[in-house]
């Protein structure tokens, strides 16, 4: 399961040095080379100093994820400042609004595997940078796939995130599990982790069968709400089944359909009769899932030109404007490409 993002409120420069030391200590334990660690240190320094210099305060989200062969570092800077009207101009070397050399954003872009800057006047700015050890593999685009980005953030003052997801990909299918353990903290995480472990090993092809078997596996936990979505690439269709209050929305262009989940709690009680809903899968379509830490009255169309950017920016924009602030908050975006 991909790790949750760690959240830090940056209120003044005293927070920055602590955050930089913490990130560096995690980086050196991964598979990054010494040179890569040094460049990521610069990325973090530039992002945090820009936040303090231009806005004064904001939120930093970061995570460092590892598998057997590779490591990935991601960082998001989110603020509610004055915003920018021309982000492409701001990225160019030599442009500065504070009498500096103006190389900061350009340096971040050059040192990142992926760099995105999204901003609207009077709304604020989201900056995203990602660095991977397997850059070439990440940048290589398959002919047909589902590209998935997700943002999971703990409730304030909690050390564990009770939301989580798993992704399984084969040549013919993309399988997604998105869950929210009841409550928050370690017991909620234990329920989601057990459900995710089962999902990874399960070979059932119908989301209903997966959820019913998952229900039996997690009975000894506090339970969770969950949605399973499977995209069959050959049939070009989605099959979706969900239980509980996870919002699932399917966008085709600017039009969308809401999926209506069944009442109940996985591990505690399920509806007697459930069926998978079928949606046509088409290129550039977006499937978006949100836990109940995100308010439901959001609309992707309010974020001008957001589809030009990596979908991490879309997830972060929804989080920025609609996080309730009193629970774990998670957004998953799956785009058919």
Protein backbone atom coordinates (compact mmCIF):
# COMPACT_ATOMS: atom_id res chain seq x y z
CA UNK A 1 0.00 0.00 0.00
CA UNK A 2 1.38 3.40 -0.94
CA UNK A 3 2.26 5.41 2.14
CA UNK A 4 0.19 8.31 3.38
CA UNK A 5 1.60 11.82 3.04
CA UNK A 6 3.00 13.46 6.17
CA UNK A 7 1.53 16.91 6.73
CA UNK A 8 3.31 19.94 8.21
CA UNK A 9 1.88 23.40 8.76
CA UNK A 10 4.66 25.88 8.00
CA UNK A 11 4.08 29.08 9.96
CA UNK A 12 7.61 30.55 10.12
CA UNK A 13 11.23 29.69 9.31
CA UNK A 14 11.73 27.71 12.52
CA UNK A 15 9.58 24.91 11.06
CA UNK A 16 11.66 24.71 7.89
CA UNK A 17 14.97 23.53 9.35
CA UNK A 18 13.25 20.76 11.33
CA UNK A 19 11.36 19.57 8.25
CA UNK A 20 14.51 19.57 6.09
CA UNK A 21 16.40 17.47 8.66
CA UNK A 22 13.54 15.00 8.97
CA UNK A 23 13.23 14.49 5.21
CA UNK A 24 17.00 14.11 4.81
CA UNK A 25 17.16 11.44 7.52
CA UNK A 26 14.53 9.40 5.65
CA UNK A 27 16.14 9.91 2.24
CA UNK A 28 19.49 8.42 3.24
CA UNK A 29 17.73 5.20 4.29
CA UNK A 30 16.33 4.68 0.79
CA UNK A 31 17.85 3.72 -2.53
CA UNK A 32 18.75 7.24 -3.67
CA UNK A 33 22.35 7.93 -4.59
CA UNK A 34 24.34 10.52 -2.67
CA UNK A 35 23.92 12.93 -5.58
CA UNK A 36 20.16 12.35 -5.71
CA UNK A 37 19.83 12.96 -1.97
CA UNK A 38 21.72 16.24 -2.39
CA UNK A 39 19.43 17.36 -5.20
CA UNK A 40 16.29 16.46 -3.24
CA UNK A 41 17.67 18.46 -0.31
CA UNK A 42 17.87 21.46 -2.65
CA UNK A 43 14.31 20.85 -3.89
CA UNK A 44 13.00 20.81 -0.31
CA UNK A 45 15.01 23.91 0.61
CA UNK A 46 13.77 25.90 -2.39
CA UNK A 47 10.12 24.88 -1.92
CA UNK A 48 10.00 25.69 1.78
CA UNK A 49 11.91 28.96 1.46
CA UNK A 50 9.60 30.07 -1.39
CA UNK A 51 6.57 29.31 0.77
CA UNK A 52 7.87 31.48 3.63
CA UNK A 53 9.22 34.22 1.37
CA UNK A 54 6.20 34.72 -0.89
CA UNK A 55 3.21 33.67 1.24
CA UNK A 56 4.36 33.45 4.84
CA UNK A 57 2.64 30.18 5.71
CA UNK A 58 1.08 27.09 4.18
CA UNK A 59 1.04 23.30 4.25
CA UNK A 60 3.78 20.92 3.16
CA UNK A 61 2.90 17.29 2.35
CA UNK A 62 5.61 14.76 1.66
CA UNK A 63 6.18 11.03 1.43
CA UNK A 64 9.07 8.70 0.64
CA UNK A 65 8.05 5.29 -0.69
CA UNK A 66 10.27 2.28 -1.35
CA UNK A 67 9.92 -1.10 -3.01
CA UNK A 68 12.52 -3.83 -3.52
CA UNK A 69 14.36 -1.92 -6.26
CA UNK A 70 13.37 1.73 -6.27
CA UNK A 71 12.58 4.76 -4.11
CA UNK A 72 10.27 7.69 -4.78
CA UNK A 73 10.13 11.08 -3.05
CA UNK A 74 7.10 13.39 -3.45
CA UNK A 75 6.46 16.82 -1.98
CA UNK A 76 3.51 19.22 -2.25
CA UNK A 77 3.42 22.85 -1.17
CA UNK A 78 -0.13 24.17 -0.69
CA UNK A 79 -0.97 27.78 0.12
CA UNK A 80 -3.93 30.13 0.04
CA UNK A 81 -2.00 33.19 -1.04
CA UNK A 82 -2.55 35.66 -3.85
CA UNK A 83 -1.75 33.10 -6.55
CA UNK A 84 -0.16 33.65 -9.96
CA UNK A 85 -1.63 34.60 -13.31
CA UNK A 86 1.24 33.21 -15.45
CA UNK A 87 2.94 30.15 -13.99
CA UNK A 88 5.01 29.45 -17.11
CA UNK A 89 6.70 32.84 -16.74
CA UNK A 90 7.43 32.23 -13.06
CA UNK A 91 9.32 29.01 -13.83
CA UNK A 92 11.75 30.67 -16.23
CA UNK A 93 15.23 31.35 -14.86
CA UNK A 94 15.88 35.00 -14.10
CA UNK A 95 12.30 35.98 -13.27
CA UNK A 96 11.87 37.18 -9.70
CA UNK A 97 9.38 39.24 -7.72
CA UNK A 98 11.71 39.67 -4.72
CA UNK A 99 14.99 40.95 -6.23
CA UNK A 100 16.63 37.50 -6.09
CA UNK A 101 18.32 35.65 -8.97
CA UNK A 102 15.04 33.94 -9.87
CA UNK A 103 16.52 30.46 -10.34
CA UNK A 104 14.54 28.63 -7.62
CA UNK A 105 11.59 27.19 -9.54
CA UNK A 106 13.75 26.43 -12.55
CA UNK A 107 16.18 24.51 -10.36
CA UNK A 108 13.35 22.51 -8.79
CA UNK A 109 12.05 21.59 -12.26
CA UNK A 110 15.48 20.50 -13.52
CA UNK A 111 16.14 18.28 -10.48
CA UNK A 112 12.70 16.64 -10.45
CA UNK A 113 11.46 13.62 -12.37
CA UNK A 114 8.12 15.42 -12.49
CA UNK A 115 7.42 19.05 -11.59
CA UNK A 116 4.02 20.79 -11.70
CA UNK A 117 2.91 24.27 -10.64
CA UNK A 118 -0.80 25.11 -10.48
CA UNK A 119 -2.07 28.51 -9.40
CA UNK A 120 -5.09 30.76 -9.74
CA UNK A 121 -5.28 34.45 -8.76
CA UNK A 122 -6.86 34.93 -5.32
CA UNK A 123 -7.07 31.13 -4.85
CA UNK A 124 -3.50 30.15 -4.06
CA UNK A 125 -0.82 27.84 -5.39
CA UNK A 126 -0.02 24.13 -5.37
CA UNK A 127 3.52 23.08 -6.23
CA UNK A 128 4.31 19.40 -6.77
CA UNK A 129 7.74 17.83 -7.22
CA UNK A 130 8.58 14.15 -7.49
CA UNK A 131 11.94 12.40 -7.78
CA UNK A 132 12.35 8.70 -8.52
CA UNK A 133 15.34 6.41 -8.80
CA UNK A 134 13.72 4.75 -11.87
CA UNK A 135 13.03 7.90 -13.89
CA UNK A 136 13.11 6.36 -17.37
CA UNK A 137 10.67 3.59 -16.42
CA UNK A 138 8.24 6.11 -14.92
CA UNK A 139 8.31 8.45 -17.92
CA UNK A 140 7.74 5.68 -20.47
CA UNK A 141 4.01 5.75 -21.39
CA UNK A 142 2.21 2.48 -22.27
CA UNK A 143 -0.27 2.33 -25.17
CA UNK A 144 -3.27 1.82 -22.89
CA UNK A 145 -3.37 2.03 -19.14
CA UNK A 146 -4.98 3.63 -16.13
CA UNK A 147 -2.79 6.27 -14.50
CA UNK A 148 -3.43 6.54 -10.76
CA UNK A 149 -2.53 9.27 -8.31
CA UNK A 150 -3.60 9.40 -4.67
CA UNK A 151 -3.27 11.66 -1.66
CA UNK A 152 -3.83 10.25 1.84
CA UNK A 153 -3.30 12.56 4.82
CA UNK A 154 -3.59 11.68 8.53
CA UNK A 155 -5.96 13.49 10.84
CA UNK A 156 -4.06 16.21 12.70
CA UNK A 157 -2.00 14.84 15.60
CA UNK A 158 -2.47 11.23 14.48
CA UNK A 159 0.61 9.22 13.50
CA UNK A 160 -1.27 6.66 11.38
CA UNK A 161 -3.70 7.16 8.49
CA UNK A 162 -6.92 5.14 8.61
CA UNK A 163 -7.49 5.62 4.87
CA UNK A 164 -5.65 3.54 2.29
CA UNK A 165 -5.65 2.03 -1.16
CA UNK A 166 -4.12 -0.76 -3.22
CA UNK A 167 -3.49 -1.02 -6.94
CA UNK A 168 -3.07 -4.27 -8.87
CA UNK A 169 -2.22 -4.14 -12.57
CA UNK A 170 -2.08 -6.93 -15.14
CA UNK A 171 -1.94 -6.91 -18.94
CA UNK A 172 -5.75 -6.95 -19.09
CA UNK A 173 -6.96 -5.30 -15.88
CA UNK A 174 -6.39 -2.48 -13.42
CA UNK A 175 -7.84 -3.26 -9.98
CA UNK A 176 -8.33 -0.54 -7.35
CA UNK A 177 -9.23 -0.86 -3.68
CA UNK A 178 -9.97 2.32 -1.69
CA UNK A 179 -10.88 2.03 1.98
CA UNK A 180 -11.55 4.12 5.07
CA UNK A 181 -11.34 2.39 8.47
CA UNK A 182 -13.98 3.44 11.00
CA UNK A 183 -12.69 6.27 13.13
CA UNK A 184 -9.01 7.08 12.75
CA UNK A 185 -5.60 6.13 14.10
CA UNK A 186 -3.93 2.73 14.41
CA UNK A 187 -7.10 0.62 14.72
CA UNK A 188 -8.62 2.19 11.62
CA UNK A 189 -5.32 1.62 9.79
CA UNK A 190 -5.26 -2.04 10.94
CA UNK A 191 -8.70 -2.62 9.36
CA UNK A 192 -7.69 -0.98 6.07
CA UNK A 193 -4.34 -2.79 5.96
CA UNK A 194 -5.96 -6.20 6.48
CA UNK A 195 -8.55 -5.47 3.80
CA UNK A 196 -5.81 -4.24 1.45
CA UNK A 197 -3.68 -7.34 2.05
CA UNK A 198 -6.66 -9.54 1.19
CA UNK A 199 -7.41 -7.49 -1.93
CA UNK A 200 -3.83 -7.92 -3.16
CA UNK A 201 -4.06 -11.71 -2.93
CA UNK A 202 -7.68 -12.12 -4.07
CA UNK A 203 -8.21 -13.52 -7.56
CA UNK A 204 -11.95 -12.90 -7.86
CA UNK A 205 -12.95 -10.90 -10.93
CA UNK A 206 -16.23 -9.40 -9.64
CA UNK A 207 -16.00 -6.49 -7.18
CA UNK A 208 -19.06 -7.83 -5.30
CA UNK A 209 -17.35 -11.18 -4.67
CA UNK A 210 -14.18 -9.37 -3.54
CA UNK A 211 -16.08 -7.24 -1.02
CA UNK A 212 -18.09 -10.19 0.34
CA UNK A 213 -14.92 -12.23 0.94
CA UNK A 214 -13.15 -9.16 2.35
CA UNK A 215 -16.08 -8.75 4.75
CA UNK A 216 -15.35 -12.18 6.26
CA UNK A 217 -11.60 -11.52 6.51
CA UNK A 218 -11.92 -8.28 8.50
CA UNK A 219 -14.66 -9.29 10.97
CA UNK A 220 -12.26 -9.09 13.93
CA UNK A 221 -11.38 -5.46 13.14
CA UNK A 222 -13.46 -2.35 13.77
CA UNK A 223 -14.53 -2.47 10.09
CA UNK A 224 -14.26 -0.10 7.17
CA UNK A 225 -16.09 1.41 4.25
CA UNK A 226 -14.62 0.39 0.90
CA UNK A 227 -14.97 0.61 -2.85
CA UNK A 228 -13.50 -1.79 -5.41
CA UNK A 229 -13.20 -0.72 -9.06
CA UNK A 230 -11.88 -2.94 -11.85
CA UNK A 231 -11.08 -1.64 -15.33
CA UNK A 232 -11.02 -4.33 -18.03
CA UNK A 233 -8.83 -2.94 -20.81
CA UNK A 234 -10.06 -5.35 -23.49
CA UNK A 235 -13.76 -4.87 -22.74
CA UNK A 236 -13.16 -1.17 -22.11
CA UNK A 237 -15.39 -1.12 -19.06
CA UNK A 238 -15.33 -0.37 -15.36
CA UNK A 239 -17.04 -2.60 -12.81
CA UNK A 240 -17.55 -0.92 -9.44
CA UNK A 241 -19.00 -1.96 -6.09
CA UNK A 242 -18.79 0.05 -2.88
CA UNK A 243 -20.10 -0.16 0.67
CA UNK A 244 -20.35 2.92 2.87
CA UNK A 245 -19.69 6.63 2.46
CA UNK A 246 -16.86 6.82 -0.04
CA UNK A 247 -17.71 9.27 -2.80
CA UNK A 248 -17.00 7.80 -6.26
CA UNK A 249 -17.43 10.03 -9.29
CA UNK A 250 -16.82 9.25 -12.97
CA UNK A 251 -15.88 12.22 -15.18
CA UNK A 252 -16.03 12.09 -18.99
CA UNK A 253 -14.94 15.55 -20.06
CA UNK A 254 -16.87 18.03 -17.91
CA UNK A 255 -19.81 15.67 -17.42
CA UNK A 256 -19.88 13.30 -14.48
CA UNK A 257 -21.88 10.50 -12.89
CA UNK A 258 -21.93 9.66 -9.20
CA UNK A 259 -21.72 6.01 -8.18
CA UNK A 260 -24.16 5.20 -5.36
CA UNK A 261 -22.62 2.75 -2.85
CA UNK A 262 -24.56 0.30 -0.70
CA UNK A 263 -25.30 1.02 2.94
CA UNK A 264 -23.30 -0.97 5.48
CA UNK A 265 -19.81 -1.54 6.86
CA UNK A 266 -17.35 -4.12 5.57
CA UNK A 267 -16.62 -6.43 8.50
CA UNK A 268 -19.85 -5.58 10.34
CA UNK A 269 -22.87 -5.66 8.04
CA UNK A 270 -23.48 -5.88 4.29
CA UNK A 271 -26.58 -5.61 2.13
CA UNK A 272 -28.12 -8.99 1.30
CA UNK A 273 -28.18 -8.24 -2.41
CA UNK A 274 -25.41 -6.32 -4.19
CA UNK A 275 -24.47 -5.91 -7.84
CA UNK A 276 -21.55 -4.29 -9.64
CA UNK A 277 -22.27 -1.13 -11.61
CA UNK A 278 -20.81 -1.05 -15.12
CA UNK A 279 -19.42 2.09 -16.77
CA UNK A 280 -17.85 2.45 -20.20
CA UNK A 281 -14.09 3.08 -20.03
CA UNK A 282 -12.85 5.70 -22.47
CA UNK A 283 -9.63 7.65 -22.92
CA UNK A 284 -9.13 10.77 -20.80
CA UNK A 285 -11.86 9.64 -18.41
CA UNK A 286 -11.33 10.32 -14.68
CA UNK A 287 -12.52 8.11 -11.84
CA UNK A 288 -12.26 10.02 -8.55
CA UNK A 289 -12.75 8.57 -5.06
CA UNK A 290 -12.82 10.55 -1.80
CA UNK A 291 -13.00 9.44 1.83
CA UNK A 292 -15.45 11.22 4.15
CA UNK A 293 -12.66 13.49 5.37
CA UNK A 294 -13.34 15.37 2.11
CA UNK A 295 -16.55 17.37 1.76
CA UNK A 296 -18.84 16.04 -0.96
CA UNK A 297 -19.85 19.31 -2.64
CA UNK A 298 -16.82 19.69 -4.87
CA UNK A 299 -16.70 19.97 -8.63
CA UNK A 300 -13.60 19.41 -10.73
CA UNK A 301 -14.77 22.11 -13.16
CA UNK A 302 -14.04 24.86 -10.60
CA UNK A 303 -10.30 24.23 -11.06
CA UNK A 304 -9.51 26.06 -14.28
CA UNK A 305 -7.31 24.09 -16.74
CA UNK A 306 -6.47 21.49 -14.05
CA UNK A 307 -6.59 18.63 -16.58
CA UNK A 308 -3.44 19.99 -18.23
CA UNK A 309 -1.51 18.96 -15.11
CA UNK A 310 -0.54 15.73 -13.44
CA UNK A 311 -3.49 14.36 -11.49
CA UNK A 312 -1.62 14.73 -8.20
CA UNK A 313 -2.45 18.43 -8.59
CA UNK A 314 -6.15 17.64 -9.01
CA UNK A 315 -6.12 15.49 -5.86
CA UNK A 316 -4.27 18.24 -3.97
CA UNK A 317 -6.69 20.93 -5.18
CA UNK A 318 -9.69 18.96 -3.91
CA UNK A 319 -7.87 18.38 -0.61
CA UNK A 320 -6.91 22.07 -0.32
CA UNK A 321 -10.44 23.41 -0.71
CA UNK A 322 -12.58 20.61 0.72
CA UNK A 323 -10.69 18.81 3.49
CA UNK A 324 -12.85 18.83 6.64
CA UNK A 325 -9.77 19.07 8.87
CA UNK A 326 -11.17 16.74 11.54
CA UNK A 327 -10.52 13.31 10.00
CA UNK A 328 -8.14 11.43 7.71
CA UNK A 329 -8.59 12.93 4.24
CA UNK A 330 -7.89 11.05 1.01
CA UNK A 331 -8.45 11.53 -2.72
CA UNK A 332 -7.67 8.99 -5.45
CA UNK A 333 -7.72 9.92 -9.14
CA UNK A 334 -7.61 7.24 -11.86
CA UNK A 335 -7.29 8.47 -15.46
CA UNK A 336 -7.72 6.23 -18.50
CA UNK A 337 -4.83 7.01 -20.86
